PDB file of N, CA and C in Angstrom:
ATOM      1  N   UNK A   1      40.509  -9.515 -89.551  1.00  0.00           N
ATOM      2  CA  UNK A   1      40.730  -9.331 -88.132  1.00  0.00           C
ATOM      3  C   UNK A   1      39.422  -8.990 -87.406  1.00  0.00           C
ATOM      4  N   UNK A   2      38.598  -8.131 -88.038  1.00  0.00           N
ATOM      5  CA  UNK A   2      37.325  -7.772 -87.410  1.00  0.00           C
ATOM      6  C   UNK A   2      36.408  -8.980 -87.308  1.00  0.00           C
ATOM      7  N   UNK A   3      36.442  -9.841 -88.317  1.00  0.00           N
ATOM      8  CA  UNK A   3      35.602 -11.037 -88.302  1.00  0.00           C
ATOM      9  C   UNK A   3      35.980 -11.940 -87.132  1.00  0.00           C
ATOM     10  N   UNK A   4      37.275 -12.055 -86.866  1.00  0.00           N
ATOM     11  CA  UNK A   4      37.754 -12.883 -85.766  1.00  0.00           C
ATOM     12  C   UNK A   4      37.282 -12.318 -84.421  1.00  0.00           C
ATOM     13  N   UNK A   5      37.296 -10.991 -84.285  1.00  0.00           N
ATOM     14  CA  UNK A   5      36.827 -10.367 -83.055  1.00  0.00           C
ATOM     15  C   UNK A   5      35.331 -10.582 -82.858  1.00  0.00           C
ATOM     16  N   UNK A   6      34.565 -10.546 -83.951  1.00  0.00           N
ATOM     17  CA  UNK A   6      33.123 -10.790 -83.856  1.00  0.00           C
ATOM     18  C   UNK A   6      32.853 -12.208 -83.376  1.00  0.00           C
ATOM     19  N   UNK A   7      33.633 -13.169 -83.859  1.00  0.00           N
ATOM     20  CA  UNK A   7      33.448 -14.559 -83.432  1.00  0.00           C
ATOM     21  C   UNK A   7      33.772 -14.719 -81.953  1.00  0.00           C
ATOM     22  N   UNK A   8      34.834 -14.047 -81.500  1.00  0.00           N
ATOM     23  CA  UNK A   8      35.184 -14.125 -80.078  1.00  0.00           C
ATOM     24  C   UNK A   8      34.100 -13.482 -79.231  1.00  0.00           C
ATOM     25  N   UNK A   9      33.591 -12.340 -79.691  1.00  0.00           N
ATOM     26  CA  UNK A   9      32.517 -11.671 -78.958  1.00  0.00           C
ATOM     27  C   UNK A   9      31.261 -12.510 -78.905  1.00  0.00           C
ATOM     28  N   UNK A  10      30.953 -13.172 -80.022  1.00  0.00           N
ATOM     29  CA  UNK A  10      29.779 -14.041 -80.059  1.00  0.00           C
ATOM     30  C   UNK A  10      29.965 -15.207 -79.095  1.00  0.00           C
ATOM     31  N   UNK A  11      31.156 -15.767 -79.048  1.00  0.00           N
ATOM     32  CA  UNK A  11      31.427 -16.868 -78.130  1.00  0.00           C
ATOM     33  C   UNK A  11      31.275 -16.438 -76.683  1.00  0.00           C
ATOM     34  N   UNK A  12      31.753 -15.238 -76.378  1.00  0.00           N
ATOM     35  CA  UNK A  12      31.630 -14.736 -75.011  1.00  0.00           C
ATOM     36  C   UNK A  12      30.171 -14.529 -74.630  1.00  0.00           C
ATOM     37  N   UNK A  13      29.384 -14.018 -75.557  1.00  0.00           N
ATOM     38  CA  UNK A  13      27.955 -13.816 -75.283  1.00  0.00           C
ATOM     39  C   UNK A  13      27.271 -15.155 -75.060  1.00  0.00           C
ATOM     40  N   UNK A  14      27.623 -16.163 -75.846  1.00  0.00           N
ATOM     41  CA  UNK A  14      27.021 -17.486 -75.673  1.00  0.00           C
ATOM     42  C   UNK A  14      27.389 -18.071 -74.317  1.00  0.00           C
ATOM     43  N   UNK A  15      28.657 -17.941 -73.910  1.00  0.00           N
ATOM     44  CA  UNK A  15      29.060 -18.432 -72.592  1.00  0.00           C
ATOM     45  C   UNK A  15      28.327 -17.679 -71.485  1.00  0.00           C
ATOM     46  N   UNK A  16      28.155 -16.383 -71.649  1.00  0.00           N
ATOM     47  CA  UNK A  16      27.455 -15.597 -70.639  1.00  0.00           C
ATOM     48  C   UNK A  16      25.999 -16.039 -70.522  1.00  0.00           C
ATOM     49  N   UNK A  17      25.348 -16.295 -71.656  1.00  0.00           N
ATOM     50  CA  UNK A  17      23.957 -16.763 -71.617  1.00  0.00           C
ATOM     51  C   UNK A  17      23.844 -18.123 -70.940  1.00  0.00           C
ATOM     52  N   UNK A  18      24.795 -19.005 -71.228  1.00  0.00           N
ATOM     53  CA  UNK A  18      24.787 -20.319 -70.585  1.00  0.00           C
ATOM     54  C   UNK A  18      24.966 -20.172 -69.081  1.00  0.00           C
ATOM     55  N   UNK A  19      25.887 -19.305 -68.660  1.00  0.00           N
ATOM     56  CA  UNK A  19      26.104 -19.090 -67.227  1.00  0.00           C
ATOM     57  C   UNK A  19      24.868 -18.517 -66.552  1.00  0.00           C
ATOM     58  N   UNK A  20      24.177 -17.610 -67.229  1.00  0.00           N
ATOM     59  CA  UNK A  20      22.956 -17.037 -66.663  1.00  0.00           C
ATOM     60  C   UNK A  20      21.884 -18.111 -66.514  1.00  0.00           C
ATOM     61  N   UNK A  21      21.734 -18.947 -67.521  1.00  0.00           N
ATOM     62  CA  UNK A  21      20.735 -20.024 -67.434  1.00  0.00           C
ATOM     63  C   UNK A  21      21.070 -21.002 -66.315  1.00  0.00           C
ATOM     64  N   UNK A  22      22.338 -21.357 -66.184  1.00  0.00           N
ATOM     65  CA  UNK A  22      22.754 -22.262 -65.107  1.00  0.00           C
ATOM     66  C   UNK A  22      22.492 -21.617 -63.749  1.00  0.00           C
ATOM     67  N   UNK A  23      22.789 -20.333 -63.619  1.00  0.00           N
ATOM     68  CA  UNK A  23      22.550 -19.640 -62.358  1.00  0.00           C
ATOM     69  C   UNK A  23      21.066 -19.637 -62.007  1.00  0.00           C
ATOM     70  N   UNK A  24      20.207 -19.408 -62.989  1.00  0.00           N
ATOM     71  CA  UNK A  24      18.759 -19.414 -62.740  1.00  0.00           C
ATOM     72  C   UNK A  24      18.304 -20.795 -62.277  1.00  0.00           C
ATOM     73  N   UNK A  25      18.787 -21.838 -62.935  1.00  0.00           N
ATOM     74  CA  UNK A  25      18.412 -23.197 -62.543  1.00  0.00           C
ATOM     75  C   UNK A  25      18.880 -23.496 -61.124  1.00  0.00           C
ATOM     76  N   UNK A  26      20.099 -23.101 -60.797  1.00  0.00           N
ATOM     77  CA  UNK A  26      20.622 -23.341 -59.444  1.00  0.00           C
ATOM     78  C   UNK A  26      19.794 -22.600 -58.406  1.00  0.00           C
ATOM     79  N   UNK A  27      19.430 -21.361 -58.693  1.00  0.00           N
ATOM     80  CA  UNK A  27      18.625 -20.595 -57.743  1.00  0.00           C
ATOM     81  C   UNK A  27      17.264 -21.244 -57.522  1.00  0.00           C
ATOM     82  N   UNK A  28      16.634 -21.697 -58.600  1.00  0.00           N
ATOM     83  CA  UNK A  28      15.324 -22.346 -58.481  1.00  0.00           C
ATOM     84  C   UNK A  28      15.441 -23.639 -57.681  1.00  0.00           C
ATOM     85  N   UNK A  29      16.444 -24.441 -57.984  1.00  0.00           N
ATOM     86  CA  UNK A  29      16.624 -25.717 -57.273  1.00  0.00           C
ATOM     87  C   UNK A  29      16.896 -25.470 -55.796  1.00  0.00           C
ATOM     88  N   UNK A  30      17.761 -24.514 -55.484  1.00  0.00           N
ATOM     89  CA  UNK A  30      18.057 -24.230 -54.081  1.00  0.00           C
ATOM     90  C   UNK A  30      16.842 -23.681 -53.346  1.00  0.00           C
ATOM     91  N   UNK A  31      16.023 -22.914 -54.026  1.00  0.00           N
ATOM     92  CA  UNK A  31      14.817 -22.383 -53.396  1.00  0.00           C
ATOM     93  C   UNK A  31      13.852 -23.515 -53.050  1.00  0.00           C
ATOM     94  N   UNK A  32      13.649 -24.420 -53.994  1.00  0.00           N
ATOM     95  CA  UNK A  32      12.720 -25.539 -53.762  1.00  0.00           C
ATOM     96  C   UNK A  32      13.279 -26.479 -52.699  1.00  0.00           C
ATOM     97  N   UNK A  33      14.540 -26.850 -52.835  1.00  0.00           N
ATOM     98  CA  UNK A  33      15.131 -27.770 -51.865  1.00  0.00           C
ATOM     99  C   UNK A  33      15.301 -27.113 -50.502  1.00  0.00           C
ATOM    100  N   UNK A  34      15.551 -25.820 -50.488  1.00  0.00           N
ATOM    101  CA  UNK A  34      15.720 -25.111 -49.220  1.00  0.00           C
ATOM    102  C   UNK A  34      14.474 -25.190 -48.366  1.00  0.00           C
ATOM    103  N   UNK A  35      13.309 -25.060 -48.983  1.00  0.00           N
ATOM    104  CA  UNK A  35      12.055 -25.155 -48.237  1.00  0.00           C
ATOM    105  C   UNK A  35      11.869 -26.562 -47.670  1.00  0.00           C
ATOM    106  N   UNK A  36      12.202 -27.569 -48.477  1.00  0.00           N
ATOM    107  CA  UNK A  36      12.045 -28.952 -48.017  1.00  0.00           C
ATOM    108  C   UNK A  36      13.033 -29.269 -46.899  1.00  0.00           C
ATOM    109  N   UNK A  37      14.265 -28.815 -47.036  1.00  0.00           N
ATOM    110  CA  UNK A  37      15.271 -29.056 -45.999  1.00  0.00           C
ATOM    111  C   UNK A  37      14.882 -28.331 -44.718  1.00  0.00           C
ATOM    112  N   UNK A  38      14.345 -27.132 -44.837  1.00  0.00           N
ATOM    113  CA  UNK A  38      13.899 -26.387 -43.668  1.00  0.00           C
ATOM    114  C   UNK A  38      12.796 -27.145 -42.941  1.00  0.00           C
ATOM    115  N   UNK A  39      11.863 -27.719 -43.694  1.00  0.00           N
ATOM    116  CA  UNK A  39      10.782 -28.487 -43.086  1.00  0.00           C
ATOM    117  C   UNK A  39      11.326 -29.725 -42.372  1.00  0.00           C
ATOM    118  N   UNK A  40      12.241 -30.431 -43.013  1.00  0.00           N
ATOM    119  CA  UNK A  40      12.824 -31.625 -42.397  1.00  0.00           C
ATOM    120  C   UNK A  40      13.582 -31.265 -41.119  1.00  0.00           C
ATOM    121  N   UNK A  41      14.360 -30.205 -41.167  1.00  0.00           N
ATOM    122  CA  UNK A  41      15.125 -29.794 -39.984  1.00  0.00           C
ATOM    123  C   UNK A  41      14.197 -29.338 -38.859  1.00  0.00           C
ATOM    124  N   UNK A  42      13.141 -28.637 -39.199  1.00  0.00           N
ATOM    125  CA  UNK A  42      12.185 -28.203 -38.178  1.00  0.00           C
ATOM    126  C   UNK A  42      11.508 -29.408 -37.514  1.00  0.00           C
ATOM    127  N   UNK A  43      11.146 -30.394 -38.321  1.00  0.00           N
ATOM    128  CA  UNK A  43      10.525 -31.601 -37.777  1.00  0.00           C
ATOM    129  C   UNK A  43      11.512 -32.356 -36.893  1.00  0.00           C
ATOM    130  N   UNK A  44      12.763 -32.423 -37.304  1.00  0.00           N
ATOM    131  CA  UNK A  44      13.767 -33.114 -36.493  1.00  0.00           C
ATOM    132  C   UNK A  44      14.001 -32.383 -35.186  1.00  0.00           C
ATOM    133  N   UNK A  45      14.062 -31.053 -35.245  1.00  0.00           N
ATOM    134  CA  UNK A  45      14.292 -30.259 -34.030  1.00  0.00           C
ATOM    135  C   UNK A  45      13.127 -30.388 -33.068  1.00  0.00           C
ATOM    136  N   UNK A  46      11.906 -30.375 -33.603  1.00  0.00           N
ATOM    137  CA  UNK A  46      10.746 -30.503 -32.718  1.00  0.00           C
ATOM    138  C   UNK A  46      10.636 -31.914 -32.160  1.00  0.00           C
ATOM    139  N   UNK A  47      11.136 -32.900 -32.893  1.00  0.00           N
ATOM    140  CA  UNK A  47      11.110 -34.275 -32.413  1.00  0.00           C
ATOM    141  C   UNK A  47      12.091 -34.494 -31.269  1.00  0.00           C
ATOM    142  N   UNK A  48      13.170 -33.744 -31.252  1.00  0.00           N
ATOM    143  CA  UNK A  48      14.148 -33.896 -30.173  1.00  0.00           C
ATOM    144  C   UNK A  48      13.607 -33.344 -28.866  1.00  0.00           C
ATOM    145  N   UNK A  49      12.889 -32.233 -28.955  1.00  0.00           N
ATOM    146  CA  UNK A  49      12.264 -31.649 -27.777  1.00  0.00           C
ATOM    147  C   UNK A  49      13.276 -31.085 -26.807  1.00  0.00           C
ATOM    148  N   UNK A  50      12.770 -30.407 -25.791  1.00  0.00           N
ATOM    149  CA  UNK A  50      13.674 -29.803 -24.792  1.00  0.00           C
ATOM    150  C   UNK A  50      14.157 -30.823 -23.781  1.00  0.00           C
TER     151      UNK A  50
END
């Protein structure tokens, strides 16, 4: 029974590590793309003018 609990705990830790890695990748991608989207939107807004 203890062995089965260790396997479940190990599986949970592996899923948690995968989720953390995915979250880091998403944050990095959004940071990089966010700057580019901000630049594009600023250029579009300035092109429209008052």
